[in-house]
Amino acid sequence: MAETTSFCVDAHFTNSVGTQGSEGRFNSASDTAPAGLRLLEEQAAWLGALRAALREG
């Protein structure tokens, strides 16, 4: 179930969100946050796999 959360961003990210919306990539500013969080999850998984591979040699 979705939960409403609010957060503040600086002008750089405000502009980035606006650009993403005006280019049609996202329907709303609310759609950009989950996309960013998904990227963070993917990066964490990738780094975990890389670290595991490095430990194995």
Protein backbone atom coordinates (compact mmCIF):
# COMPACT_ATOMS: atom_id res chain seq x y z
CA MET A 1 0.00 0.00 0.00
CA ALA A 2 1.34 3.45 -0.91
CA GLU A 3 2.25 5.88 1.82
CA THR A 4 2.45 9.64 1.46
CA THR A 5 5.88 11.06 2.25
CA SER A 6 7.19 14.56 1.71
CA PHE A 7 10.75 15.79 1.40
CA CYS A 8 12.65 18.90 0.39
CA VAL A 9 15.13 19.16 -2.46
CA ASP A 10 17.41 21.96 -3.59
CA ALA A 11 17.00 23.99 -6.77
CA HIS A 12 19.09 21.57 -8.82
CA PHE A 13 16.75 18.66 -8.15
CA THR A 14 13.66 20.84 -8.46
CA ASN A 15 14.80 21.81 -11.95
CA SER A 16 15.66 18.21 -12.80
CA VAL A 17 12.22 17.00 -11.75
CA GLY A 18 10.62 19.76 -13.81
CA THR A 19 12.69 18.84 -16.86
CA GLN A 20 11.83 15.16 -16.54
CA GLY A 21 8.14 16.04 -16.39
CA SER A 22 8.20 18.51 -19.28
CA GLU A 23 10.02 15.97 -21.47
CA GLY A 24 7.26 13.46 -20.76
CA ARG A 25 9.43 10.96 -18.93
CA PHE A 26 7.23 11.10 -15.82
CA ASN A 27 3.60 12.05 -15.36
CA SER A 28 4.23 13.98 -12.15
CA ALA A 29 6.91 14.99 -9.69
CA SER A 30 5.67 12.20 -7.42
CA ASP A 31 6.69 9.64 -10.03
CA THR A 32 10.32 10.72 -10.00
CA ALA A 33 11.10 9.78 -6.38
CA PRO A 34 10.27 6.07 -6.74
CA ALA A 35 12.33 5.95 -9.93
CA GLY A 36 15.31 7.37 -8.07
CA LEU A 37 14.84 4.96 -5.20
CA ARG A 38 14.70 2.03 -7.63
CA LEU A 39 18.04 3.15 -9.06
CA LEU A 40 19.53 3.26 -5.56
CA GLU A 41 18.29 -0.28 -4.91
CA GLU A 42 19.76 -1.49 -8.21
CA GLN A 43 23.08 0.17 -7.42
CA ALA A 44 23.19 -1.39 -3.95
CA ALA A 45 22.48 -4.84 -5.41
CA TRP A 46 25.14 -4.38 -8.08
CA LEU A 47 27.71 -3.25 -5.50
CA GLY A 48 26.83 -6.20 -3.27
CA ALA A 49 27.33 -8.63 -6.15
CA LEU A 50 30.61 -6.96 -7.07
CA ARG A 51 31.89 -7.15 -3.50
CA ALA A 52 30.92 -10.82 -3.29
CA ALA A 53 32.74 -11.55 -6.55
CA LEU A 54 35.83 -9.73 -5.31
CA ARG A 55 35.81 -11.75 -2.08
CA GLU A 56 35.60 -14.99 -4.08
CA GLY A 57 38.48 -13.87 -6.26
